[in-house]
Amino acid sequence: MNKETKKNLKRFLPLSLCCIIPILLILIAPAIGFYSPKTALGISFIAPFICPLIMGGLFFFLFRDNKSCCNKSTDAIEK
């Protein structure tokens, strides 16, 4: 695997988890509700908000290393 493929896989994992985790929690909620209805209600309430939280973290990590993009263009103009 080349460097670009590994970079794409690192970006794909959080995106796939963003969809998979809430779906699994909603599917498991009835089984948890058998033992603890309050916990199942809490899980079903929190599950839709997991994706936006993961996406926010993903955008933070994607754009935190992108600060040097503007400095490159000004350095090229000065030289």
Foldseek 3Di string as FASTA:
>chain_A
DDPVVVVVVVLVVLVVCLPPVLVVLLVCLVVVCVVPVVVSVVSPVCSVVSNVVSVVVSVCVVCVVVPCVVVVVVVVVVD
